[in-house]
Amino acid sequence: MAQKGYCVKCKAKKEMKDEQKVTLKNKRTAVKGKCPDCGTSMFKILGKE
Protein backbone atom coordinates (compact mmCIF):
# COMPACT_ATOMS: atom_id res chain seq x y z
CA MET A 1 0.00 0.00 0.00
CA ALA A 2 2.67 2.53 1.09
CA GLN A 3 0.57 5.68 1.51
CA LYS A 4 2.29 9.01 1.94
CA GLY A 5 1.23 11.29 4.75
CA TYR A 6 2.42 14.46 6.48
CA CYS A 7 4.40 14.15 9.71
CA VAL A 8 3.71 17.18 11.90
CA LYS A 9 6.80 16.61 14.03
CA CYS A 10 9.27 16.24 11.11
CA LYS A 11 7.35 18.78 8.96
CA ALA A 12 7.70 16.62 5.84
CA LYS A 13 5.73 14.20 3.66
CA LYS A 14 6.83 10.61 4.19
CA GLU A 15 5.64 7.08 3.55
CA MET A 16 3.84 5.61 6.55
CA LYS A 17 4.80 2.38 8.23
CA ASP A 18 2.43 0.00 10.07
CA GLU A 19 -0.48 1.50 8.16
CA GLN A 20 -4.09 0.43 8.67
CA LYS A 21 -7.17 1.30 6.65
CA VAL A 22 -9.96 2.67 8.88
CA THR A 23 -13.52 3.85 8.26
CA LEU A 24 -14.65 7.11 9.83
CA LYS A 25 -18.11 7.81 11.29
CA ASN A 26 -19.21 9.55 8.09
CA LYS A 27 -18.33 6.39 6.06
CA ARG A 28 -15.14 7.86 4.53
CA THR A 29 -11.98 5.82 4.45
CA ALA A 30 -8.66 6.87 5.94
CA VAL A 31 -5.19 5.46 6.53
CA LYS A 32 -3.56 5.52 9.94
CA GLY A 33 0.14 4.81 10.45
CA LYS A 34 3.42 5.90 12.01
CA CYS A 35 6.32 8.04 10.85
CA PRO A 36 9.33 5.84 9.95
CA ASP A 37 11.81 8.32 11.50
CA CYS A 38 10.28 9.65 14.73
CA GLY A 39 7.38 7.23 15.35
CA THR A 40 4.69 9.95 15.54
CA SER A 41 1.17 8.96 14.48
CA MET A 42 0.21 9.96 10.94
CA PHE A 43 -3.27 10.14 9.45
CA LYS A 44 -4.53 10.65 5.89
CA ILE A 45 -8.17 10.92 4.79
CA LEU A 46 -8.75 9.28 1.43
CA GLY A 47 -11.29 10.35 -1.20
CA LYS A 48 -14.78 8.90 -1.50
CA GLU A 49 -14.67 5.35 -2.80
PDB file of N, CA and C in Angstrom:
ATOM      1  N   MET A   1       0.837  -1.191   0.000  1.00  0.00           N
ATOM      2  CA  MET A   1       0.000   0.000   0.000  1.00  0.00           C
ATOM      3  C   MET A   1       0.881   1.253   0.000  1.00  0.00           C
ATOM      4  N   ALA A   2       1.694   1.443   1.014  1.00  0.00           N
ATOM      5  CA  ALA A   2       2.667   2.531   1.091  1.00  0.00           C
ATOM      6  C   ALA A   2       2.067   3.903   0.785  1.00  0.00           C
ATOM      7  N   GLN A   3       1.179   4.353   1.641  1.00  0.00           N
ATOM      8  CA  GLN A   3       0.572   5.682   1.508  1.00  0.00           C
ATOM      9  C   GLN A   3       1.518   6.733   2.049  1.00  0.00           C
ATOM     10  N   LYS A   4       1.518   7.891   1.431  1.00  0.00           N
ATOM     11  CA  LYS A   4       2.295   9.015   1.939  1.00  0.00           C
ATOM     12  C   LYS A   4       1.390   9.891   2.797  1.00  0.00           C
ATOM     13  N   GLY A   5       1.948  10.390   3.869  1.00  0.00           N
ATOM     14  CA  GLY A   5       1.227  11.285   4.754  1.00  0.00           C
ATOM     15  C   GLY A   5       2.159  12.370   5.247  1.00  0.00           C
ATOM     16  N   TYR A   6       1.620  13.342   5.975  1.00  0.00           N
ATOM     17  CA  TYR A   6       2.415  14.457   6.477  1.00  0.00           C
ATOM     18  C   TYR A   6       2.722  14.232   7.955  1.00  0.00           C
ATOM     19  N   CYS A   7       3.984  14.254   8.302  1.00  0.00           N
ATOM     20  CA  CYS A   7       4.397  14.147   9.710  1.00  0.00           C
ATOM     21  C   CYS A   7       4.509  15.555  10.276  1.00  0.00           C
ATOM     22  N   VAL A   8       3.739  15.840  11.302  1.00  0.00           N
ATOM     23  CA  VAL A   8       3.712  17.176  11.901  1.00  0.00           C
ATOM     24  C   VAL A   8       5.012  17.461  12.648  1.00  0.00           C
ATOM     25  N   LYS A   9       5.577  16.433  13.252  1.00  0.00           N
ATOM     26  CA  LYS A   9       6.798  16.614  14.028  1.00  0.00           C
ATOM     27  C   LYS A   9       8.012  16.869  13.123  1.00  0.00           C
ATOM     28  N   CYS A  10       8.147  16.081  12.047  1.00  0.00           N
ATOM     29  CA  CYS A  10       9.272  16.240  11.114  1.00  0.00           C
ATOM     30  C   CYS A  10       9.020  17.346  10.081  1.00  0.00           C
ATOM     31  N   LYS A  11       7.766  17.761   9.933  1.00  0.00           N
ATOM     32  CA  LYS A  11       7.347  18.778   8.959  1.00  0.00           C
ATOM     33  C   LYS A  11       7.723  18.378   7.529  1.00  0.00           C
ATOM     34  N   ALA A  12       7.396  17.122   7.176  1.00  0.00           N
ATOM     35  CA  ALA A  12       7.703  16.623   5.836  1.00  0.00           C
ATOM     36  C   ALA A  12       6.725  15.514   5.467  1.00  0.00           C
ATOM     37  N   LYS A  13       6.540  15.307   4.146  1.00  0.00           N
ATOM     38  CA  LYS A  13       5.727  14.201   3.663  1.00  0.00           C
ATOM     39  C   LYS A  13       6.587  12.954   3.602  1.00  0.00           C
ATOM     40  N   LYS A  14       6.079  11.864   4.157  1.00  0.00           N
ATOM     41  CA  LYS A  14       6.830  10.613   4.193  1.00  0.00           C
ATOM     42  C   LYS A  14       5.882   9.446   4.007  1.00  0.00           C
ATOM     43  N   GLU A  15       6.442   8.292   3.643  1.00  0.00           N
ATOM     44  CA  GLU A  15       5.639   7.076   3.548  1.00  0.00           C
ATOM     45  C   GLU A  15       5.416   6.534   4.950  1.00  0.00           C
ATOM     46  N   MET A  16       4.182   6.130   5.228  1.00  0.00           N
ATOM     47  CA  MET A  16       3.836   5.614   6.547  1.00  0.00           C
ATOM     48  C   MET A  16       4.315   4.181   6.700  1.00  0.00           C
ATOM     49  N   LYS A  17       4.554   3.783   7.946  1.00  0.00           N
ATOM     50  CA  LYS A  17       4.798   2.376   8.230  1.00  0.00           C
ATOM     51  C   LYS A  17       3.715   1.902   9.187  1.00  0.00           C
ATOM     52  N   ASP A  18       3.490   0.610   9.241  1.00  0.00           N
ATOM     53  CA  ASP A  18       2.434  -0.002  10.074  1.00  0.00           C
ATOM     54  C   ASP A  18       1.076   0.617   9.782  1.00  0.00           C
ATOM     55  N   GLU A  19       0.758   0.804   8.511  1.00  0.00           N
ATOM     56  CA  GLU A  19      -0.482   1.496   8.155  1.00  0.00           C
ATOM     57  C   GLU A  19      -1.689   0.562   8.226  1.00  0.00           C
ATOM     58  N   GLN A  20      -2.826   1.155   8.571  1.00  0.00           N
ATOM     59  CA  GLN A  20      -4.095   0.435   8.672  1.00  0.00           C
ATOM     60  C   GLN A  20      -5.162   1.273   8.004  1.00  0.00           C
ATOM     61  N   LYS A  21      -6.049   0.606   7.267  1.00  0.00           N
ATOM     62  CA  LYS A  21      -7.171   1.304   6.653  1.00  0.00           C
ATOM     63  C   LYS A  21      -8.309   1.339   7.671  1.00  0.00           C
ATOM     64  N   VAL A  22      -8.870   2.512   7.914  1.00  0.00           N
ATOM     65  CA  VAL A  22      -9.960   2.671   8.876  1.00  0.00           C
ATOM     66  C   VAL A  22     -11.130   3.377   8.199  1.00  0.00           C
ATOM     67  N   THR A  23     -12.323   3.181   8.751  1.00  0.00           N
ATOM     68  CA  THR A  23     -13.524   3.852   8.261  1.00  0.00           C
ATOM     69  C   THR A  23     -13.989   4.834   9.323  1.00  0.00           C
ATOM     70  N   LEU A  24     -14.207   6.076   8.910  1.00  0.00           N
ATOM     71  CA  LEU A  24     -14.652   7.113   9.832  1.00  0.00           C
ATOM     72  C   LEU A  24     -16.160   7.026  10.044  1.00  0.00           C
ATOM     73  N   LYS A  25     -16.673   7.808  10.985  1.00  0.00           N
ATOM     74  CA  LYS A  25     -18.110   7.810  11.288  1.00  0.00           C
ATOM     75  C   LYS A  25     -18.954   8.190  10.085  1.00  0.00           C
ATOM     76  N   ASN A  26     -18.435   9.099   9.252  1.00  0.00           N
ATOM     77  CA  ASN A  26     -19.209   9.551   8.093  1.00  0.00           C
ATOM     78  C   ASN A  26     -18.982   8.655   6.866  1.00  0.00           C
ATOM     79  N   LYS A  27     -18.510   7.425   7.087  1.00  0.00           N
ATOM     80  CA  LYS A  27     -18.332   6.393   6.055  1.00  0.00           C
ATOM     81  C   LYS A  27     -17.190   6.669   5.081  1.00  0.00           C
ATOM     82  N   ARG A  28     -16.323   7.627   5.369  1.00  0.00           N
ATOM     83  CA  ARG A  28     -15.143   7.861   4.534  1.00  0.00           C
ATOM     84  C   ARG A  28     -14.029   6.931   4.988  1.00  0.00           C
ATOM     85  N   THR A  29     -13.101   6.664   4.088  1.00  0.00           N
ATOM     86  CA  THR A  29     -11.976   5.817   4.446  1.00  0.00           C
ATOM     87  C   THR A  29     -10.752   6.678   4.727  1.00  0.00           C
ATOM     88  N   ALA A  30      -9.881   6.161   5.579  1.00  0.00           N
ATOM     89  CA  ALA A  30      -8.660   6.870   5.941  1.00  0.00           C
ATOM     90  C   ALA A  30      -7.562   5.843   6.193  1.00  0.00           C
ATOM     91  N   VAL A  31      -6.338   6.319   6.229  1.00  0.00           N
ATOM     92  CA  VAL A  31      -5.193   5.464   6.532  1.00  0.00           C
ATOM     93  C   VAL A  31      -4.501   6.027   7.755  1.00  0.00           C
ATOM     94  N   LYS A  32      -4.213   5.140   8.702  1.00  0.00           N
ATOM     95  CA  LYS A  32      -3.562   5.522   9.940  1.00  0.00           C
ATOM     96  C   LYS A  32      -2.230   4.775  10.012  1.00  0.00           C
ATOM     97  N   GLY A  33      -1.157   5.459  10.376  1.00  0.00           N
ATOM     98  CA  GLY A  33       0.143   4.812  10.455  1.00  0.00           C
ATOM     99  C   GLY A  33       1.105   5.587  11.330  1.00  0.00           C
ATOM    100  N   LYS A  34       2.388   5.248  11.212  1.00  0.00           N
ATOM    101  CA  LYS A  34       3.417   5.900  12.008  1.00  0.00           C
ATOM    102  C   LYS A  34       4.518   6.428  11.106  1.00  0.00           C
ATOM    103  N   CYS A  35       5.185   7.465  11.565  1.00  0.00           N
ATOM    104  CA  CYS A  35       6.324   8.037  10.846  1.00  0.00           C
ATOM    105  C   CYS A  35       7.511   7.078  10.980  1.00  0.00           C
ATOM    106  N   PRO A  36       8.202   6.775   9.868  1.00  0.00           N
ATOM    107  CA  PRO A  36       9.325   5.844   9.949  1.00  0.00           C
ATOM    108  C   PRO A  36      10.528   6.399  10.716  1.00  0.00           C
ATOM    109  N   ASP A  37      10.652   7.719  10.822  1.00  0.00           N
ATOM    110  CA  ASP A  37      11.810   8.315  11.496  1.00  0.00           C
ATOM    111  C   ASP A  37      11.579   8.567  12.981  1.00  0.00           C
ATOM    112  N   CYS A  38      10.481   9.259  13.322  1.00  0.00           N
ATOM    113  CA  CYS A  38      10.279   9.654  14.725  1.00  0.00           C
ATOM    114  C   CYS A  38       9.204   8.837  15.443  1.00  0.00           C
ATOM    115  N   GLY A  39       8.387   8.081  14.715  1.00  0.00           N
ATOM    116  CA  GLY A  39       7.376   7.233  15.351  1.00  0.00           C
ATOM    117  C   GLY A  39       6.079   7.944  15.689  1.00  0.00           C
ATOM    118  N   THR A  40       5.912   9.198  15.281  1.00  0.00           N
ATOM    119  CA  THR A  40       4.691   9.952  15.536  1.00  0.00           C
ATOM    120  C   THR A  40       3.545   9.392  14.696  1.00  0.00           C
ATOM    121  N   SER A  41       2.334   9.436  15.219  1.00  0.00           N
ATOM    122  CA  SER A  41       1.169   8.963  14.476  1.00  0.00           C
ATOM    123  C   SER A  41       0.897   9.854  13.283  1.00  0.00           C
ATOM    124  N   MET A  42       0.550   9.231  12.156  1.00  0.00           N
ATOM    125  CA  MET A  42       0.209   9.958  10.940  1.00  0.00           C
ATOM    126  C   MET A  42      -1.172   9.521  10.502  1.00  0.00           C
ATOM    127  N   PHE A  43      -1.889  10.398   9.826  1.00  0.00           N
ATOM    128  CA  PHE A  43      -3.269  10.143   9.446  1.00  0.00           C
ATOM    129  C   PHE A  43      -3.533  10.801   8.103  1.00  0.00           C
ATOM    130  N   LYS A  44      -4.193  10.073   7.204  1.00  0.00           N
ATOM    131  CA  LYS A  44      -4.532  10.647   5.894  1.00  0.00           C
ATOM    132  C   LYS A  44      -5.936  10.219   5.516  1.00  0.00           C
ATOM    133  N   ILE A  45      -6.806  11.200   5.230  1.00  0.00           N
ATOM    134  CA  ILE A  45      -8.168  10.922   4.793  1.00  0.00           C
ATOM    135  C   ILE A  45      -8.143  10.718   3.287  1.00  0.00           C
ATOM    136  N   LEU A  46      -8.707   9.598   2.854  1.00  0.00           N
ATOM    137  CA  LEU A  46      -8.751   9.276   1.430  1.00  0.00           C
ATOM    138  C   LEU A  46     -10.033   9.824   0.815  1.00  0.00           C
ATOM    139  N   GLY A  47     -10.106   9.874  -0.498  1.00  0.00           N
ATOM    140  CA  GLY A  47     -11.287  10.354  -1.199  1.00  0.00           C
ATOM    141  C   GLY A  47     -12.440   9.373  -1.067  1.00  0.00           C
ATOM    142  N   LYS A  48     -13.601   9.773  -1.527  1.00  0.00           N
ATOM    143  CA  LYS A  48     -14.777   8.899  -1.501  1.00  0.00           C
ATOM    144  C   LYS A  48     -14.555   7.734  -2.450  1.00  0.00           C
ATOM    145  N   GLU A  49     -14.870   6.546  -1.987  1.00  0.00           N
ATOM    146  CA  GLU A  49     -14.667   5.355  -2.802  1.00  0.00           C
ATOM    147  C   GLU A  49     -15.954   4.614  -3.019  1.00  0.00           C
TER     148      GLU A  49
END
